[in-house]
Amino acid sequence: MDFFKKIEKEILVFDKKFKNALSTKAKLLHKVATYLAQNPGKKIRPICTIISAGLLNDITEKTYRGAILIELLHTATLIHDDIVDDAHLRRSQLSLNAIWKNKISVLSGDYFLAKGLRLAISHKDYEILNVTSDAVEKIVEGELIQIDKTRKLNLIEKDYFEIITLKTGALFSASFKIGAISVNADQNTIDKLESIGLKLGLLFQIKDDILDYNHPHSISGKKSGNDIKEGKINLPLLYALKQMTFMEKNKVYQILRKKINTLDELELVQKLVKQYNGIKEVELLMQTYYEDLINDLDDFKISKYKEALILMLDFLIHRDR
């Protein structure tokens, strides 16, 4: 990931500070934190906070605190997501709930969230705290809307974009907004970076939807067919459903309603999505977001942070996991 190299020094500082923020005397929590640290993911969201601040000014201690809070919040939501979805894999390794069951997993997620809140309060970062509180509210709201729509299988395009704006877009826009706040940007600049974060979040989620159709037998990264198994209608499927025959739609809805799917059923849905150009349509939309974001960056001076963000966009649009 080339964007890592551009800001390697800042990422190393973040990693050290993040590790310190997680220190605990509770043996079980230490075990959980150590396990998670073995496979920390790409840290895209805290990197967004660092890049956002760097686009405008020098990185500050407040920037790093904001990035830590974002990553702690993201970690907590992933833990809780795995419990809600009864998922046993996360980033190619067993999820917390698969090892320690739901009670310890819920408490661990709560602990990470509490750690982030304490960090912000102890430094009187009230504006940052306000942004993250707003993001948590949106994430929960998006999750509940998705659960309702999944049960009723009545998702339309407007619902889809509302859900991903809340569930995924909220944390990305918060990441960029916090970066701008941490270097005392004016309101107009804060709004501009918040908008960039939202678009980047939507691009990220749309690409995630495409990855659901890539490797039927893969267990690395995001498992292929995961949304179908969970009964969720993602964007490629939503676009393909518009073109399907009545019989094909009925068959897809039957598969989505089932608690357990066979490999043949997953492959049938994937075949229909490809047949009716669901993925191609979504790729065109993702390209529009990408071009829009590149245009947005014209407002910022050339720097290693701008170069890192462009490299990150290239990575996000071409990633295969």
Protein backbone atom coordinates (compact mmCIF):
# COMPACT_ATOMS: atom_id res chain seq x y z
CA MET A 1 0.00 0.00 0.00
CA ASP A 2 1.95 2.99 -1.35
CA PHE A 3 0.02 5.57 0.67
CA PHE A 4 1.46 3.99 3.85
CA LYS A 5 5.00 4.83 2.72
CA LYS A 6 4.16 8.49 2.15
CA ILE A 7 3.18 9.00 5.79
CA GLU A 8 5.06 6.12 7.41
CA LYS A 9 6.53 8.32 10.17
CA GLU A 10 3.07 9.59 11.22
CA ILE A 11 1.63 6.04 11.19
CA LEU A 12 4.45 4.81 13.47
CA VAL A 13 3.71 7.66 15.92
CA PHE A 14 0.00 6.79 15.77
CA ASP A 15 0.69 3.06 16.38
CA LYS A 16 2.76 3.84 19.48
CA LYS A 17 0.18 6.23 20.91
CA PHE A 18 -2.67 3.81 20.10
CA LYS A 19 -0.90 0.97 21.92
CA ASN A 20 -0.40 3.22 24.98
CA ALA A 21 -4.09 4.20 24.90
CA LEU A 22 -5.09 0.53 25.14
CA SER A 23 -2.95 -0.26 28.20
CA THR A 24 -4.94 -1.95 30.96
CA LYS A 25 -4.32 -3.82 34.21
CA ALA A 26 -7.24 -6.18 33.57
CA LYS A 27 -5.68 -9.46 32.38
CA LEU A 28 -8.58 -10.53 30.16
CA LEU A 29 -8.86 -7.15 28.46
CA HIS A 30 -5.09 -7.17 27.91
CA LYS A 31 -5.45 -10.60 26.27
CA VAL A 32 -8.24 -9.30 24.00
CA ALA A 33 -6.28 -6.15 23.07
CA THR A 34 -3.13 -8.21 22.35
CA TYR A 35 -5.13 -10.60 20.15
CA LEU A 36 -6.63 -7.71 18.15
CA ALA A 37 -3.20 -6.06 17.79
CA GLN A 38 -1.90 -9.18 15.96
CA ASN A 39 -4.01 -8.25 12.93
CA PRO A 40 -4.87 -4.55 13.18
CA GLY A 41 -6.31 -4.02 9.70
CA LYS A 42 -5.43 -1.18 7.34
CA LYS A 43 -6.17 1.69 9.80
CA ILE A 44 -7.81 3.59 6.92
CA ARG A 45 -10.00 5.80 9.15
CA PRO A 46 -7.32 7.12 11.54
CA ILE A 47 -5.06 7.62 8.51
CA CYS A 48 -7.85 9.76 7.02
CA THR A 49 -7.74 11.93 10.17
CA ILE A 50 -3.96 12.35 9.86
CA ILE A 51 -4.16 13.10 6.12
CA SER A 52 -7.01 15.58 6.62
CA ALA A 53 -4.98 17.55 9.18
CA GLY A 54 -1.83 17.34 7.03
CA LEU A 55 -3.63 18.76 3.98
CA LEU A 56 -4.06 21.98 5.98
CA ASN A 57 -1.29 22.29 8.54
CA ASP A 58 1.23 20.47 10.74
CA ILE A 59 -0.01 17.34 12.55
CA THR A 60 -0.74 18.07 16.22
CA GLU A 61 -1.15 15.99 19.38
CA LYS A 62 -4.86 16.72 19.04
CA THR A 63 -4.77 15.11 15.56
CA TYR A 64 -3.35 11.91 17.02
CA ARG A 65 -5.91 11.90 19.86
CA GLY A 66 -8.69 12.28 17.29
CA ALA A 67 -7.23 9.46 15.18
CA ILE A 68 -7.02 7.20 18.26
CA LEU A 69 -10.62 7.97 19.19
CA ILE A 70 -11.76 7.15 15.63
CA GLU A 71 -9.88 3.82 15.65
CA LEU A 72 -11.18 2.88 19.11
CA LEU A 73 -14.73 3.66 17.97
CA HIS A 74 -14.23 1.68 14.75
CA THR A 75 -12.83 -1.30 16.71
CA ALA A 76 -15.84 -1.22 19.06
CA THR A 77 -18.33 -1.15 16.15
CA LEU A 78 -16.57 -4.09 14.42
CA ILE A 79 -16.74 -6.17 17.61
CA HIS A 80 -20.42 -5.37 18.08
CA ASP A 81 -21.12 -5.99 14.35
CA ASP A 82 -19.64 -9.49 14.58
CA ILE A 83 -21.92 -10.23 17.55
CA VAL A 84 -25.03 -8.91 15.74
CA ASP A 85 -24.15 -10.86 12.57
CA ASP A 86 -22.94 -13.94 14.49
CA ALA A 87 -19.78 -13.73 12.39
CA HIS A 88 -16.90 -16.01 13.37
CA LEU A 89 -14.21 -14.53 11.12
CA ARG A 90 -12.74 -11.04 11.07
CA ARG A 91 -9.72 -10.15 8.87
CA SER A 92 -9.00 -13.84 8.18
CA GLN A 93 -8.81 -14.76 11.87
CA LEU A 94 -11.38 -15.80 14.45
CA SER A 95 -13.57 -12.96 15.73
CA LEU A 96 -13.66 -12.12 19.45
CA ASN A 97 -17.12 -13.65 19.87
CA ALA A 98 -15.88 -16.90 18.28
CA ILE A 99 -13.18 -17.15 20.96
CA TRP A 100 -14.57 -15.43 24.06
CA LYS A 101 -18.35 -15.58 23.33
CA ASN A 102 -20.76 -12.65 23.29
CA LYS A 103 -20.62 -11.36 26.88
CA ILE A 104 -16.85 -10.74 26.93
CA SER A 105 -16.99 -9.40 23.35
CA VAL A 106 -19.72 -6.86 24.18
CA LEU A 107 -17.82 -5.69 27.27
CA SER A 108 -14.58 -5.44 25.26
CA GLY A 109 -16.32 -3.28 22.65
CA ASP A 110 -17.73 -1.09 25.44
CA TYR A 111 -14.25 -0.83 26.96
CA PHE A 112 -12.69 0.44 23.71
CA LEU A 113 -15.46 3.01 23.35
CA ALA A 114 -15.02 4.14 26.98
CA LYS A 115 -11.23 4.44 26.48
CA GLY A 116 -11.80 6.78 23.53
CA LEU A 117 -14.29 8.92 25.44
CA ARG A 118 -11.94 9.19 28.43
CA LEU A 119 -9.05 10.25 26.17
CA ALA A 120 -11.13 13.05 24.63
CA ILE A 121 -12.58 14.26 27.95
CA SER A 122 -9.23 14.26 29.76
CA HIS A 123 -7.86 16.70 27.14
CA LYS A 124 -11.11 18.71 26.90
CA ASP A 125 -11.50 17.78 23.20
CA TYR A 126 -15.23 18.48 23.41
CA GLU A 127 -15.67 19.39 19.74
CA ILE A 128 -14.08 16.09 18.68
CA LEU A 129 -16.24 14.26 21.22
CA ASN A 130 -19.32 15.91 19.70
CA VAL A 131 -18.33 14.72 16.20
CA THR A 132 -17.76 11.11 17.34
CA SER A 133 -21.01 11.05 19.37
CA ASP A 134 -22.87 12.14 16.24
CA ALA A 135 -21.12 9.40 14.24
CA VAL A 136 -22.07 6.68 16.79
CA GLU A 137 -25.70 7.83 16.68
CA LYS A 138 -25.72 7.61 12.87
CA ILE A 139 -24.00 4.19 12.77
CA VAL A 140 -26.57 2.68 15.17
CA GLU A 141 -29.45 4.30 13.25
CA GLY A 142 -28.09 2.90 9.96
CA GLU A 143 -27.69 -0.58 11.44
CA LEU A 144 -31.29 -0.59 12.73
CA ILE A 145 -32.69 0.62 9.38
CA GLN A 146 -30.70 -2.14 7.62
CA ILE A 147 -32.00 -4.81 10.02
CA ASP A 148 -35.58 -3.66 9.37
CA LYS A 149 -35.11 -3.59 5.58
CA THR A 150 -33.38 -7.01 5.61
CA ARG A 151 -36.32 -8.53 7.50
CA LYS A 152 -38.89 -7.07 5.11
CA LEU A 153 -36.74 -7.42 1.94
CA ASN A 154 -38.18 -4.13 0.67
CA LEU A 155 -34.94 -2.18 0.12
CA ILE A 156 -34.98 0.48 -2.61
CA GLU A 157 -32.05 2.55 -3.91
CA LYS A 158 -32.89 5.53 -1.68
CA ASP A 159 -32.84 3.26 1.40
CA TYR A 160 -29.51 1.75 0.37
CA PHE A 161 -27.79 5.14 0.14
CA GLU A 162 -29.36 6.28 3.41
CA ILE A 163 -28.01 3.14 5.15
CA ILE A 164 -24.44 3.39 3.79
CA THR A 165 -24.34 7.14 4.45
CA LEU A 166 -25.16 6.41 8.09
CA LYS A 167 -23.30 3.12 8.60
CA THR A 168 -20.09 3.72 6.65
CA GLY A 169 -20.09 7.35 5.53
CA ALA A 170 -20.58 8.71 9.07
CA LEU A 171 -17.25 7.42 10.41
CA PHE A 172 -15.27 8.44 7.32
CA SER A 173 -16.74 11.95 7.33
CA ALA A 174 -16.06 12.16 11.09
CA SER A 175 -12.43 11.10 10.47
CA PHE A 176 -11.84 13.94 8.01
CA LYS A 177 -13.80 16.45 10.06
CA ILE A 178 -11.78 15.68 13.21
CA GLY A 179 -8.53 16.09 11.25
CA ALA A 180 -9.60 19.56 10.15
CA ILE A 181 -10.80 20.52 13.66
CA SER A 182 -7.49 19.35 15.18
CA VAL A 183 -5.55 22.02 13.25
CA ASN A 184 -8.09 24.81 13.89
CA ALA A 185 -9.46 24.99 10.33
CA ASP A 186 -12.26 27.45 9.50
CA GLN A 187 -15.83 26.15 9.20
CA ASN A 188 -15.87 26.25 5.40
CA THR A 189 -12.74 24.04 5.22
CA ILE A 190 -14.11 21.69 7.90
CA ASP A 191 -17.32 21.27 5.85
CA LYS A 192 -15.30 20.64 2.67
CA LEU A 193 -13.22 17.89 4.30
CA GLU A 194 -16.29 16.36 5.94
CA SER A 195 -17.87 16.12 2.46
CA ILE A 196 -14.69 14.48 1.05
CA GLY A 197 -14.82 11.96 3.92
CA LEU A 198 -18.44 11.10 3.18
CA LYS A 199 -17.77 10.51 -0.53
CA LEU A 200 -14.73 8.39 0.32
CA GLY A 201 -16.85 6.34 2.74
CA LEU A 202 -19.51 5.72 0.08
CA LEU A 203 -16.82 4.68 -2.43
CA PHE A 204 -15.34 2.34 0.20
CA GLN A 205 -18.71 0.66 0.88
CA ILE A 206 -19.67 0.36 -2.80
CA LYS A 207 -16.33 -1.37 -3.47
CA ASP A 208 -17.05 -3.66 -0.51
CA ASP A 209 -20.34 -4.63 -2.18
CA ILE A 210 -18.50 -5.50 -5.40
CA LEU A 211 -16.04 -7.69 -3.44
CA ASP A 212 -19.02 -9.79 -2.30
CA TYR A 213 -19.06 -11.26 -5.84
CA ASN A 214 -15.35 -11.89 -6.38
CA HIS A 215 -14.08 -15.18 -4.99
CA PRO A 216 -16.79 -17.75 -4.13
CA HIS A 217 -14.41 -20.00 -2.18
CA SER A 218 -12.24 -17.34 -0.52
CA ILE A 219 -12.00 -17.02 3.25
CA SER A 220 -9.58 -14.09 3.22
CA GLY A 221 -10.69 -10.52 3.85
CA LYS A 222 -14.40 -10.14 3.27
CA LYS A 223 -15.94 -13.55 2.54
CA SER A 224 -17.59 -13.71 -0.87
CA GLY A 225 -21.36 -14.06 -0.71
CA ASN A 226 -21.49 -12.80 2.87
CA ASP A 227 -24.28 -10.27 2.22
CA ILE A 228 -26.39 -12.94 0.51
CA LYS A 229 -25.88 -15.32 3.47
CA GLU A 230 -27.04 -12.57 5.83
CA GLY A 231 -30.09 -11.85 3.65
CA LYS A 232 -28.85 -8.37 2.73
CA ILE A 233 -29.50 -6.75 -0.63
CA ASN A 234 -26.37 -4.84 -1.66
CA LEU A 235 -26.06 -2.42 -4.58
CA PRO A 236 -25.02 -4.80 -7.41
CA LEU A 237 -27.93 -7.09 -6.48
CA LEU A 238 -30.31 -4.12 -6.20
CA TYR A 239 -29.42 -2.97 -9.73
CA ALA A 240 -29.62 -6.54 -11.11
CA LEU A 241 -33.06 -7.14 -9.51
CA LYS A 242 -34.48 -4.31 -11.65
CA GLN A 243 -33.65 -6.35 -14.79
CA MET A 244 -34.56 -9.86 -13.59
CA THR A 245 -37.66 -11.80 -14.63
CA PHE A 246 -40.45 -12.34 -12.09
CA MET A 247 -39.33 -15.98 -11.59
CA GLU A 248 -35.68 -15.01 -11.10
CA LYS A 249 -36.59 -12.33 -8.54
CA ASN A 250 -38.73 -14.81 -6.60
CA LYS A 251 -35.88 -17.32 -6.55
CA VAL A 252 -33.42 -14.67 -5.26
CA TYR A 253 -35.84 -13.59 -2.51
CA GLN A 254 -36.29 -17.25 -1.46
CA ILE A 255 -32.50 -17.61 -1.17
CA LEU A 256 -32.19 -14.37 0.84
CA ARG A 257 -34.90 -15.54 3.27
CA LYS A 258 -33.17 -18.86 4.00
CA LYS A 259 -31.12 -19.14 7.19
CA ILE A 260 -28.47 -21.35 5.57
CA ASN A 261 -27.56 -21.29 1.87
CA THR A 262 -25.88 -23.90 -0.29
CA LEU A 263 -22.89 -22.97 -2.46
CA ASP A 264 -25.11 -23.52 -5.53
CA GLU A 265 -27.61 -20.94 -4.25
CA LEU A 266 -24.88 -18.36 -3.59
CA GLU A 267 -23.42 -18.98 -7.04
CA LEU A 268 -26.87 -18.62 -8.66
CA VAL A 269 -27.35 -15.14 -7.15
CA GLN A 270 -23.81 -14.16 -8.13
CA LYS A 271 -24.40 -15.44 -11.69
CA LEU A 272 -27.64 -13.43 -12.03
CA VAL A 273 -25.96 -10.25 -10.71
CA LYS A 274 -23.20 -10.59 -13.31
CA GLN A 275 -25.67 -11.57 -16.07
CA TYR A 276 -27.74 -8.41 -15.50
CA ASN A 277 -24.67 -6.12 -15.26
CA GLY A 278 -25.20 -5.27 -11.58
CA ILE A 279 -21.44 -5.09 -10.98
CA LYS A 280 -20.72 -3.05 -14.13
CA GLU A 281 -23.32 -0.45 -13.14
CA VAL A 282 -21.87 -0.16 -9.65
CA GLU A 283 -18.31 0.14 -11.01
CA LEU A 284 -19.41 3.09 -13.15
CA LEU A 285 -20.93 4.77 -10.09
CA MET A 286 -17.76 4.14 -8.07
CA GLN A 287 -15.69 5.72 -10.86
CA THR A 288 -17.91 8.83 -10.66
CA TYR A 289 -17.22 9.14 -6.92
CA TYR A 290 -13.50 8.67 -7.57
CA GLU A 291 -13.39 11.42 -10.22
CA ASP A 292 -15.44 13.71 -8.01
CA LEU A 293 -12.98 13.21 -5.13
CA ILE A 294 -9.94 13.89 -7.35
CA ASN A 295 -11.61 17.16 -8.43
CA ASP A 296 -12.28 18.07 -4.78
CA LEU A 297 -8.57 17.75 -4.04
CA ASP A 298 -7.72 20.54 -6.53
CA ASP A 299 -8.53 22.96 -3.69
CA PHE A 300 -5.51 21.75 -1.67
CA LYS A 301 -1.83 22.50 -2.22
CA ILE A 302 0.59 19.78 -3.31
CA SER A 303 2.01 17.92 -0.30
CA LYS A 304 2.88 14.38 0.74
CA TYR A 305 -0.57 14.20 2.43
CA LYS A 306 -2.38 15.07 -0.79
CA GLU A 307 -0.24 12.50 -2.63
CA ALA A 308 -1.03 9.93 0.10
CA LEU A 309 -4.76 10.59 -0.25
CA ILE A 310 -4.67 10.14 -4.04
CA LEU A 311 -2.71 6.89 -3.58
CA MET A 312 -5.26 5.78 -0.97
CA LEU A 313 -8.12 6.43 -3.40
CA ASP A 314 -6.32 4.36 -6.05
CA PHE A 315 -5.83 1.57 -3.51
CA LEU A 316 -9.49 1.65 -2.37
CA ILE A 317 -10.87 1.49 -5.90
CA HIS A 318 -8.55 -1.37 -6.97
CA ARG A 319 -8.35 -3.42 -3.76
CA ASP A 320 -9.31 -7.10 -3.95
CA ARG A 321 -10.12 -7.68 -0.27
